[in-house]
């Protein structure tokens, strides 16, 4: 996709990565890119009941991250997945059902395969969205947990450049810490 939005072009030195694992320190540009995508996505459907959240490591101030802005889009049954897919594809996202078989997943990449953003999509009733938000919130609210996760990420990034292997090896930690803390 060669027609990247201006807010991504303006931060190409900060975000975006090809098919590898590279961790970078937190950058406030991640939030700016999220706000730009929020405007692009919800601006097309302002009264839709769609909810877009900034998730993943780029949403945690102080946490190292692969420089890909991860988002979670929650839609109502009335809005429907077909409309979500049409909306995201119209603004340049690619539906990648092959990447995460347990999720509906879209990516924003350029013509060279550099990925800038990803969106996991769930209907409102799906508890997996609650787990993703809980994990994000647990990391934001517990500095020791965030540091433990950063350490695991750094070790894994040194072990492999394969994103799939890296993600699989992080999954147990994520699963243990993705439930809502009462």
N, C-alpha and C. Protein backbone atom coordinates (compact mmCIF):
# COMPACT_ATOMS: atom_id res chain seq x y z
N UNK A 1 0.85 -1.17 0.00
CA UNK A 1 0.00 0.00 0.00
C UNK A 1 0.88 1.22 0.00
N UNK A 2 0.81 2.00 -1.03
CA UNK A 2 1.69 3.14 -1.17
C UNK A 2 1.07 4.44 -0.67
N UNK A 3 -0.19 4.47 -0.42
CA UNK A 3 -0.87 5.70 0.00
C UNK A 3 -1.05 5.71 1.52
N UNK A 4 0.05 5.77 2.24
CA UNK A 4 -0.03 5.82 3.69
C UNK A 4 -0.52 7.19 4.14
N UNK A 5 -1.28 7.23 5.23
CA UNK A 5 -1.75 8.53 5.73
C UNK A 5 -0.59 9.38 6.25
N UNK A 6 -0.79 10.69 6.24
CA UNK A 6 0.25 11.64 6.62
C UNK A 6 0.79 11.38 8.03
N UNK A 7 -0.07 11.04 8.99
CA UNK A 7 0.42 10.83 10.36
C UNK A 7 1.35 9.63 10.46
N UNK A 8 1.28 8.71 9.52
CA UNK A 8 2.22 7.59 9.50
C UNK A 8 3.48 8.00 8.73
N UNK A 9 3.32 8.65 7.62
CA UNK A 9 4.48 9.11 6.86
C UNK A 9 5.35 10.01 7.74
N UNK A 10 4.72 10.88 8.52
CA UNK A 10 5.46 11.80 9.39
C UNK A 10 6.28 11.07 10.45
N UNK A 11 5.92 9.81 10.76
CA UNK A 11 6.60 9.06 11.81
C UNK A 11 7.26 7.79 11.29
N UNK A 12 7.56 7.74 10.01
CA UNK A 12 8.17 6.53 9.43
C UNK A 12 9.52 6.20 10.05
N UNK A 13 10.21 7.19 10.61
CA UNK A 13 11.48 6.90 11.27
C UNK A 13 11.27 6.29 12.66
N UNK A 14 10.05 6.34 13.17
CA UNK A 14 9.73 5.86 14.50
C UNK A 14 8.94 4.56 14.48
N UNK A 15 8.00 4.45 13.56
CA UNK A 15 7.18 3.24 13.52
C UNK A 15 7.41 2.50 12.22
N UNK A 16 7.02 1.24 12.26
CA UNK A 16 7.10 0.40 11.07
C UNK A 16 8.27 -0.56 11.15
N UNK A 17 7.99 -1.80 10.77
CA UNK A 17 9.02 -2.83 10.79
C UNK A 17 8.64 -3.90 9.77
N UNK A 18 9.65 -4.45 9.12
CA UNK A 18 9.41 -5.53 8.15
C UNK A 18 9.27 -6.84 8.91
N UNK A 19 9.52 -7.93 8.29
CA UNK A 19 9.24 -9.27 8.84
C UNK A 19 10.32 -9.74 9.79
N UNK A 20 10.43 -9.08 10.94
CA UNK A 20 11.44 -9.44 11.93
C UNK A 20 10.97 -9.01 13.31
N UNK A 21 11.77 -9.28 14.30
CA UNK A 21 11.52 -8.79 15.66
C UNK A 21 12.60 -7.78 15.98
N UNK A 22 12.20 -6.57 16.22
CA UNK A 22 13.12 -5.51 16.63
C UNK A 22 12.40 -4.70 17.69
N UNK A 23 12.97 -4.65 18.87
CA UNK A 23 12.35 -3.89 19.96
C UNK A 23 12.97 -2.50 20.02
N UNK A 24 12.13 -1.53 20.26
CA UNK A 24 12.57 -0.15 20.44
C UNK A 24 11.97 0.38 21.74
N UNK A 25 12.62 1.40 22.27
CA UNK A 25 12.09 2.03 23.48
C UNK A 25 10.80 2.77 23.14
N UNK A 26 9.97 3.00 24.15
CA UNK A 26 8.69 3.69 23.95
C UNK A 26 8.92 5.04 23.28
N UNK A 27 8.00 5.40 22.40
CA UNK A 27 8.05 6.69 21.72
C UNK A 27 6.64 7.30 21.72
N UNK A 28 6.48 8.55 22.12
CA UNK A 28 5.17 9.20 22.12
C UNK A 28 4.51 9.23 20.74
N UNK A 29 5.27 9.04 19.69
CA UNK A 29 4.69 9.00 18.34
C UNK A 29 3.69 7.85 18.20
N UNK A 30 3.86 6.80 19.00
CA UNK A 30 2.90 5.68 18.94
C UNK A 30 1.48 6.19 19.23
N UNK A 31 1.36 7.02 20.25
CA UNK A 31 0.05 7.58 20.62
C UNK A 31 -0.48 8.48 19.51
N UNK A 32 0.39 9.28 18.91
CA UNK A 32 -0.02 10.17 17.82
C UNK A 32 -0.53 9.36 16.62
N UNK A 33 0.14 8.28 16.31
CA UNK A 33 -0.31 7.42 15.21
C UNK A 33 -1.66 6.80 15.56
N UNK A 34 -1.81 6.33 16.79
CA UNK A 34 -3.10 5.78 17.20
C UNK A 34 -4.21 6.83 17.04
N UNK A 35 -3.98 8.04 17.49
CA UNK A 35 -5.01 9.09 17.35
C UNK A 35 -5.35 9.36 15.89
N UNK A 36 -4.34 9.31 15.03
CA UNK A 36 -4.59 9.49 13.60
C UNK A 36 -5.46 8.36 13.04
N UNK A 37 -5.17 7.13 13.45
CA UNK A 37 -5.97 6.00 12.99
C UNK A 37 -7.38 6.02 13.59
N UNK A 38 -7.49 6.45 14.82
CA UNK A 38 -8.80 6.59 15.46
C UNK A 38 -9.67 7.54 14.62
N UNK A 39 -9.09 8.65 14.24
CA UNK A 39 -9.82 9.62 13.42
C UNK A 39 -10.18 9.04 12.06
N UNK A 40 -9.24 8.35 11.44
CA UNK A 40 -9.51 7.78 10.11
C UNK A 40 -10.60 6.72 10.16
N UNK A 41 -10.56 5.87 11.17
CA UNK A 41 -11.51 4.75 11.24
C UNK A 41 -12.88 5.21 11.72
N UNK A 42 -12.92 5.87 12.85
CA UNK A 42 -14.22 6.27 13.40
C UNK A 42 -14.79 7.48 12.68
N UNK A 43 -13.95 8.25 12.00
CA UNK A 43 -14.43 9.39 11.22
C UNK A 43 -15.33 8.96 10.07
N UNK A 44 -15.15 7.74 9.59
CA UNK A 44 -15.99 7.22 8.51
C UNK A 44 -17.33 6.71 9.03
N UNK A 45 -17.39 6.38 10.30
CA UNK A 45 -18.61 5.82 10.91
C UNK A 45 -18.79 6.41 12.30
N UNK A 46 -19.05 7.72 12.42
CA UNK A 46 -19.05 8.38 13.73
C UNK A 46 -20.12 7.90 14.71
N UNK A 47 -21.26 7.44 14.24
CA UNK A 47 -22.34 7.03 15.14
C UNK A 47 -22.57 5.52 15.06
N UNK A 48 -21.52 4.77 14.83
CA UNK A 48 -21.65 3.34 14.53
C UNK A 48 -21.67 2.44 15.75
N UNK A 49 -21.20 2.92 16.88
CA UNK A 49 -21.03 2.04 18.02
C UNK A 49 -19.71 1.29 17.98
N UNK A 50 -18.83 1.64 17.02
CA UNK A 50 -17.50 1.04 16.98
C UNK A 50 -16.66 1.65 18.10
N UNK A 51 -15.79 0.82 18.70
CA UNK A 51 -14.88 1.29 19.74
C UNK A 51 -13.48 0.85 19.37
N UNK A 52 -12.55 1.81 19.29
CA UNK A 52 -11.17 1.51 18.95
C UNK A 52 -10.28 1.81 20.15
N UNK A 53 -9.45 0.83 20.51
CA UNK A 53 -8.55 0.95 21.66
C UNK A 53 -7.11 0.77 21.21
N UNK A 54 -6.21 1.52 21.81
CA UNK A 54 -4.77 1.33 21.61
C UNK A 54 -4.34 0.25 22.59
N UNK A 55 -3.80 -0.84 22.08
CA UNK A 55 -3.37 -1.98 22.92
C UNK A 55 -1.95 -2.37 22.53
N UNK A 56 -1.47 -3.43 23.12
CA UNK A 56 -0.13 -3.90 22.82
C UNK A 56 0.92 -3.02 23.47
N UNK A 57 2.16 -3.38 23.26
CA UNK A 57 3.26 -2.71 23.96
C UNK A 57 3.40 -1.24 23.59
N UNK A 58 3.00 -0.83 22.38
CA UNK A 58 3.11 0.59 22.03
C UNK A 58 2.12 1.45 22.81
N UNK A 59 1.19 0.82 23.51
CA UNK A 59 0.22 1.57 24.31
C UNK A 59 0.66 1.74 25.76
N UNK A 60 1.84 1.21 26.11
CA UNK A 60 2.32 1.25 27.49
C UNK A 60 3.53 2.17 27.57
N UNK A 61 3.36 3.33 28.19
CA UNK A 61 4.47 4.28 28.35
C UNK A 61 5.59 3.60 29.13
N UNK A 62 6.79 3.62 28.56
CA UNK A 62 7.95 3.05 29.23
C UNK A 62 8.29 1.61 28.84
N UNK A 63 7.44 0.97 28.05
CA UNK A 63 7.67 -0.43 27.67
C UNK A 63 8.29 -0.50 26.28
N UNK A 64 9.32 -1.33 26.14
CA UNK A 64 9.90 -1.54 24.81
C UNK A 64 8.86 -2.27 23.95
N UNK A 65 8.96 -2.04 22.64
CA UNK A 65 7.94 -2.60 21.75
C UNK A 65 8.48 -2.79 20.35
N UNK A 66 7.89 -3.73 19.62
CA UNK A 66 8.06 -3.72 18.17
C UNK A 66 7.32 -2.46 17.72
N UNK A 67 7.86 -1.69 16.80
CA UNK A 67 7.23 -0.41 16.46
C UNK A 67 6.05 -0.55 15.50
N UNK A 68 5.07 -1.34 15.94
CA UNK A 68 3.82 -1.52 15.20
C UNK A 68 2.70 -1.13 16.15
N UNK A 69 1.88 -0.19 15.76
CA UNK A 69 0.79 0.28 16.63
C UNK A 69 -0.35 -0.73 16.55
N UNK A 70 -0.56 -1.44 17.67
CA UNK A 70 -1.62 -2.45 17.76
C UNK A 70 -2.89 -1.81 18.29
N UNK A 71 -4.00 -2.21 17.69
CA UNK A 71 -5.29 -1.67 18.10
C UNK A 71 -6.30 -2.81 18.23
N UNK A 72 -7.35 -2.53 18.96
CA UNK A 72 -8.46 -3.45 19.15
C UNK A 72 -9.73 -2.72 18.73
N UNK A 73 -10.45 -3.29 17.78
CA UNK A 73 -11.70 -2.71 17.31
C UNK A 73 -12.83 -3.62 17.74
N UNK A 74 -13.78 -3.05 18.48
CA UNK A 74 -14.94 -3.80 18.95
C UNK A 74 -16.17 -3.24 18.23
N UNK A 75 -16.96 -4.14 17.67
CA UNK A 75 -18.14 -3.72 16.91
C UNK A 75 -19.38 -4.41 17.44
N UNK A 76 -20.53 -3.80 17.21
CA UNK A 76 -21.80 -4.35 17.65
C UNK A 76 -22.34 -5.32 16.59
N UNK A 77 -23.20 -6.25 17.01
CA UNK A 77 -23.81 -7.16 16.03
C UNK A 77 -24.57 -6.40 14.95
N UNK A 78 -25.19 -5.27 15.31
CA UNK A 78 -25.93 -4.48 14.32
C UNK A 78 -25.01 -3.92 13.24
N UNK A 79 -23.79 -3.57 13.63
CA UNK A 79 -22.84 -3.03 12.64
C UNK A 79 -22.35 -4.15 11.73
N UNK A 80 -21.98 -5.25 12.31
CA UNK A 80 -21.61 -6.44 11.54
C UNK A 80 -20.19 -6.45 11.01
N UNK A 81 -19.64 -7.66 10.90
CA UNK A 81 -18.26 -7.82 10.44
C UNK A 81 -18.08 -7.38 9.00
N UNK A 82 -19.04 -7.64 8.14
CA UNK A 82 -18.86 -7.26 6.73
C UNK A 82 -18.63 -5.76 6.57
N UNK A 83 -19.36 -4.96 7.36
CA UNK A 83 -19.15 -3.50 7.31
C UNK A 83 -17.79 -3.11 7.87
N UNK A 84 -17.36 -3.79 8.94
CA UNK A 84 -16.03 -3.53 9.50
C UNK A 84 -14.96 -3.82 8.44
N UNK A 85 -15.07 -4.97 7.80
CA UNK A 85 -14.08 -5.36 6.80
C UNK A 85 -14.05 -4.36 5.64
N UNK A 86 -15.22 -3.96 5.16
CA UNK A 86 -15.30 -2.99 4.07
C UNK A 86 -14.65 -1.67 4.48
N UNK A 87 -14.96 -1.21 5.66
CA UNK A 87 -14.39 0.05 6.16
C UNK A 87 -12.88 -0.02 6.22
N UNK A 88 -12.34 -1.06 6.85
CA UNK A 88 -10.90 -1.16 7.03
C UNK A 88 -10.17 -1.35 5.69
N UNK A 89 -10.73 -2.16 4.82
CA UNK A 89 -10.09 -2.35 3.52
C UNK A 89 -10.14 -1.08 2.68
N UNK A 90 -11.20 -0.30 2.81
CA UNK A 90 -11.32 0.95 2.06
C UNK A 90 -10.22 1.94 2.44
N UNK A 91 -9.76 1.89 3.69
CA UNK A 91 -8.70 2.83 4.10
C UNK A 91 -7.31 2.18 4.10
N UNK A 92 -7.20 1.01 3.47
CA UNK A 92 -5.89 0.45 3.23
C UNK A 92 -5.47 -0.74 4.06
N UNK A 93 -6.30 -1.18 4.98
CA UNK A 93 -5.94 -2.34 5.79
C UNK A 93 -6.15 -3.63 4.99
N UNK A 94 -5.34 -4.62 5.28
CA UNK A 94 -5.39 -5.92 4.62
C UNK A 94 -5.87 -6.95 5.63
N UNK A 95 -6.90 -7.71 5.26
CA UNK A 95 -7.42 -8.78 6.11
C UNK A 95 -6.44 -9.94 6.06
N UNK A 96 -5.93 -10.38 7.23
CA UNK A 96 -4.93 -11.44 7.28
C UNK A 96 -5.43 -12.58 8.17
N UNK A 97 -6.36 -13.35 7.66
CA UNK A 97 -6.88 -14.46 8.45
C UNK A 97 -5.85 -15.56 8.66
N UNK A 98 -4.75 -15.52 7.92
CA UNK A 98 -3.71 -16.53 8.03
C UNK A 98 -2.75 -16.29 9.20
N UNK A 99 -2.69 -15.06 9.73
CA UNK A 99 -1.68 -14.74 10.74
C UNK A 99 -2.05 -15.22 12.14
N UNK A 100 -3.24 -14.93 12.57
CA UNK A 100 -3.68 -15.31 13.92
C UNK A 100 -5.00 -16.05 13.81
N UNK A 101 -4.96 -17.38 13.80
CA UNK A 101 -6.19 -18.15 13.56
C UNK A 101 -7.27 -17.94 14.63
N UNK A 102 -6.89 -17.46 15.80
CA UNK A 102 -7.88 -17.25 16.86
C UNK A 102 -8.43 -15.83 16.87
N UNK A 103 -8.02 -15.00 15.89
CA UNK A 103 -8.47 -13.61 15.84
C UNK A 103 -8.80 -13.22 14.41
N UNK A 104 -9.63 -12.18 14.32
CA UNK A 104 -9.85 -11.51 13.04
C UNK A 104 -8.86 -10.36 13.03
N UNK A 105 -7.97 -10.35 12.06
CA UNK A 105 -6.78 -9.53 12.13
C UNK A 105 -6.56 -8.77 10.82
N UNK A 106 -6.30 -7.47 10.92
CA UNK A 106 -6.02 -6.62 9.77
C UNK A 106 -4.68 -5.92 10.00
N UNK A 107 -3.96 -5.67 8.91
CA UNK A 107 -2.67 -4.98 9.01
C UNK A 107 -2.62 -3.83 8.01
N UNK A 108 -1.86 -2.81 8.36
CA UNK A 108 -1.57 -1.70 7.46
C UNK A 108 -0.08 -1.78 7.15
N UNK A 109 0.23 -2.11 5.89
CA UNK A 109 1.61 -2.30 5.45
C UNK A 109 1.85 -1.49 4.18
N UNK A 110 3.12 -1.20 3.92
CA UNK A 110 3.44 -0.56 2.65
C UNK A 110 3.79 -1.63 1.61
N UNK A 111 4.14 -1.19 0.43
CA UNK A 111 4.40 -2.11 -0.68
C UNK A 111 5.63 -2.99 -0.44
N UNK A 112 6.47 -2.64 0.54
CA UNK A 112 7.66 -3.43 0.86
C UNK A 112 7.43 -4.39 2.03
N UNK A 113 6.20 -4.46 2.52
CA UNK A 113 5.89 -5.35 3.64
C UNK A 113 6.23 -4.77 5.00
N UNK A 114 6.51 -3.48 5.06
CA UNK A 114 6.75 -2.84 6.35
C UNK A 114 5.39 -2.61 7.00
N UNK A 115 5.22 -3.19 8.17
CA UNK A 115 3.95 -3.08 8.88
C UNK A 115 4.01 -1.90 9.85
N UNK A 116 2.94 -1.08 9.81
CA UNK A 116 2.85 0.09 10.67
C UNK A 116 1.79 -0.06 11.76
N UNK A 117 0.69 -0.70 11.43
CA UNK A 117 -0.42 -0.85 12.37
C UNK A 117 -1.05 -2.22 12.20
N UNK A 118 -1.68 -2.69 13.27
CA UNK A 118 -2.48 -3.90 13.19
C UNK A 118 -3.74 -3.69 14.02
N UNK A 119 -4.80 -4.37 13.61
CA UNK A 119 -6.07 -4.26 14.32
C UNK A 119 -6.65 -5.66 14.52
N UNK A 120 -6.89 -6.01 15.77
CA UNK A 120 -7.66 -7.22 16.09
C UNK A 120 -9.11 -6.79 16.23
N UNK A 121 -10.02 -7.54 15.63
CA UNK A 121 -11.42 -7.16 15.57
C UNK A 121 -12.28 -8.21 16.27
N UNK A 122 -13.14 -7.75 17.18
CA UNK A 122 -14.04 -8.63 17.91
C UNK A 122 -15.43 -8.01 18.01
N UNK A 123 -16.43 -8.87 18.04
CA UNK A 123 -17.78 -8.43 18.31
C UNK A 123 -17.91 -8.18 19.82
N UNK A 124 -18.85 -7.34 20.22
CA UNK A 124 -18.96 -6.89 21.62
C UNK A 124 -19.08 -8.03 22.63
N UNK A 125 -19.68 -9.13 22.27
CA UNK A 125 -19.89 -10.23 23.22
C UNK A 125 -18.65 -11.07 23.46
N UNK A 126 -17.61 -10.91 22.66
CA UNK A 126 -16.45 -11.80 22.70
C UNK A 126 -15.53 -11.47 23.88
N UNK A 127 -15.37 -12.40 24.84
CA UNK A 127 -14.55 -12.12 26.03
C UNK A 127 -13.07 -11.94 25.74
N UNK A 128 -12.60 -12.34 24.58
CA UNK A 128 -11.17 -12.16 24.26
C UNK A 128 -10.79 -10.69 24.21
N UNK A 129 -11.72 -9.83 23.83
CA UNK A 129 -11.40 -8.39 23.83
C UNK A 129 -11.20 -7.90 25.26
N UNK A 130 -11.98 -8.43 26.21
CA UNK A 130 -11.79 -8.06 27.61
C UNK A 130 -10.41 -8.48 28.11
N UNK A 131 -9.95 -9.66 27.68
CA UNK A 131 -8.63 -10.14 28.09
C UNK A 131 -7.52 -9.24 27.54
N UNK A 132 -7.65 -8.81 26.31
CA UNK A 132 -6.64 -7.93 25.71
C UNK A 132 -6.58 -6.60 26.47
N UNK A 133 -7.74 -6.04 26.77
CA UNK A 133 -7.77 -4.78 27.51
C UNK A 133 -7.26 -4.96 28.93
N UNK A 134 -7.59 -6.09 29.56
CA UNK A 134 -7.12 -6.35 30.93
C UNK A 134 -5.61 -6.46 30.96
N UNK A 135 -5.02 -7.15 29.98
CA UNK A 135 -3.56 -7.27 29.95
C UNK A 135 -2.92 -5.89 29.82
N UNK A 136 -3.43 -5.09 28.90
CA UNK A 136 -2.91 -3.73 28.74
C UNK A 136 -3.00 -2.95 30.06
N UNK A 137 -4.18 -3.00 30.68
CA UNK A 137 -4.39 -2.24 31.91
C UNK A 137 -3.52 -2.76 33.06
N UNK A 138 -3.34 -4.09 33.13
CA UNK A 138 -2.48 -4.66 34.17
C UNK A 138 -1.04 -4.17 34.01
N UNK A 139 -0.55 -4.11 32.77
CA UNK A 139 0.80 -3.60 32.54
C UNK A 139 0.90 -2.12 32.88
N UNK A 140 -0.11 -1.36 32.53
CA UNK A 140 -0.09 0.08 32.83
C UNK A 140 -0.10 0.35 34.32
N UNK A 141 -0.78 -0.50 35.08
CA UNK A 141 -0.98 -0.25 36.51
C UNK A 141 0.02 -0.94 37.43
N UNK A 142 0.90 -1.76 36.88
CA UNK A 142 1.83 -2.53 37.71
C UNK A 142 3.23 -2.43 37.11
N UNK A 143 4.04 -1.47 37.59
CA UNK A 143 5.39 -1.28 37.03
C UNK A 143 6.27 -2.53 37.11
N UNK A 144 6.13 -3.31 38.17
CA UNK A 144 6.94 -4.54 38.29
C UNK A 144 6.54 -5.54 37.21
N UNK A 145 5.25 -5.67 36.96
CA UNK A 145 4.77 -6.56 35.91
C UNK A 145 5.27 -6.08 34.55
N UNK A 146 5.22 -4.78 34.32
CA UNK A 146 5.70 -4.23 33.05
C UNK A 146 7.19 -4.53 32.88
N UNK A 147 7.99 -4.38 33.92
CA UNK A 147 9.42 -4.66 33.82
C UNK A 147 9.68 -6.15 33.58
N UNK A 148 8.90 -7.01 34.22
CA UNK A 148 9.05 -8.45 34.00
C UNK A 148 8.74 -8.79 32.53
N UNK A 149 7.69 -8.20 32.01
CA UNK A 149 7.32 -8.43 30.61
C UNK A 149 8.40 -7.89 29.67
N UNK A 150 8.94 -6.72 29.96
CA UNK A 150 10.00 -6.15 29.13
C UNK A 150 11.22 -7.07 29.11
N UNK A 151 11.55 -7.63 30.24
CA UNK A 151 12.69 -8.54 30.32
C UNK A 151 12.46 -9.78 29.46
N UNK A 152 11.27 -10.36 29.54
CA UNK A 152 10.92 -11.52 28.73
C UNK A 152 11.01 -11.17 27.24
N UNK A 153 10.46 -10.02 26.88
CA UNK A 153 10.48 -9.59 25.48
C UNK A 153 11.91 -9.44 24.97
N UNK A 154 12.78 -8.84 25.77
CA UNK A 154 14.17 -8.64 25.34
C UNK A 154 14.90 -9.97 25.16
N UNK A 155 14.69 -10.89 26.08
CA UNK A 155 15.31 -12.21 25.97
C UNK A 155 14.83 -12.91 24.70
N UNK A 156 13.53 -12.88 24.48
CA UNK A 156 12.98 -13.55 23.29
C UNK A 156 13.44 -12.88 21.99
N UNK A 157 13.54 -11.57 21.99
CA UNK A 157 14.01 -10.85 20.80
C UNK A 157 15.46 -11.21 20.48
N UNK A 158 16.26 -11.48 21.52
CA UNK A 158 17.63 -11.92 21.30
C UNK A 158 17.69 -13.35 20.77
N UNK A 159 16.69 -14.15 21.12
CA UNK A 159 16.65 -15.56 20.71
C UNK A 159 16.17 -15.77 19.28
N UNK A 160 15.24 -14.92 18.82
CA UNK A 160 14.62 -15.16 17.51
C UNK A 160 14.26 -13.86 16.81
N UNK A 161 14.34 -13.89 15.49
CA UNK A 161 13.87 -12.77 14.68
C UNK A 161 12.54 -13.11 14.02
N UNK A 162 12.03 -14.30 14.31
CA UNK A 162 10.77 -14.78 13.73
C UNK A 162 9.61 -14.28 14.59
N UNK A 163 8.76 -13.43 14.02
CA UNK A 163 7.64 -12.85 14.78
C UNK A 163 6.69 -13.90 15.32
N UNK A 164 6.45 -14.95 14.56
CA UNK A 164 5.51 -16.00 15.00
C UNK A 164 6.06 -16.72 16.22
N UNK A 165 7.32 -17.10 16.19
CA UNK A 165 7.95 -17.77 17.33
C UNK A 165 7.97 -16.84 18.54
N UNK A 166 8.35 -15.60 18.31
CA UNK A 166 8.39 -14.59 19.38
C UNK A 166 7.02 -14.47 20.05
N UNK A 167 5.98 -14.34 19.26
CA UNK A 167 4.62 -14.19 19.81
C UNK A 167 4.19 -15.44 20.56
N UNK A 168 4.48 -16.60 20.02
CA UNK A 168 4.09 -17.85 20.68
C UNK A 168 4.77 -17.98 22.05
N UNK A 169 6.03 -17.62 22.11
CA UNK A 169 6.77 -17.75 23.37
C UNK A 169 6.31 -16.74 24.43
N UNK A 170 5.76 -15.62 24.02
CA UNK A 170 5.23 -14.63 24.98
C UNK A 170 3.84 -15.01 25.48
N UNK A 171 3.17 -15.90 24.77
CA UNK A 171 1.74 -16.13 24.99
C UNK A 171 1.39 -16.63 26.39
N UNK A 172 2.23 -17.45 27.01
CA UNK A 172 1.91 -17.96 28.35
C UNK A 172 1.91 -16.82 29.38
N UNK A 173 2.90 -15.95 29.29
CA UNK A 173 2.94 -14.79 30.19
C UNK A 173 1.70 -13.93 29.98
N UNK A 174 1.36 -13.68 28.75
CA UNK A 174 0.19 -12.86 28.44
C UNK A 174 -1.08 -13.51 28.98
N UNK A 175 -1.21 -14.80 28.77
CA UNK A 175 -2.39 -15.52 29.25
C UNK A 175 -2.52 -15.43 30.77
N UNK A 176 -1.41 -15.57 31.47
CA UNK A 176 -1.45 -15.51 32.95
C UNK A 176 -1.85 -14.13 33.46
N UNK A 177 -1.56 -13.10 32.69
CA UNK A 177 -1.78 -11.73 33.18
C UNK A 177 -2.83 -10.96 32.41
N UNK A 178 -3.70 -11.69 31.72
CA UNK A 178 -4.72 -11.00 30.91
C UNK A 178 -6.09 -11.02 31.55
N UNK A 179 -6.23 -11.55 32.71
CA UNK A 179 -7.52 -11.55 33.38
C UNK A 179 -7.67 -10.27 34.19
N UNK A 180 -8.89 -9.82 34.31
CA UNK A 180 -9.16 -8.61 35.07
C UNK A 180 -8.76 -8.80 36.52
N UNK A 181 -8.07 -7.82 37.07
CA UNK A 181 -7.68 -7.85 38.48
C UNK A 181 -8.82 -7.24 39.27
N UNK A 182 -9.30 -7.98 40.25
CA UNK A 182 -10.42 -7.49 41.07
C UNK A 182 -9.91 -6.87 42.35
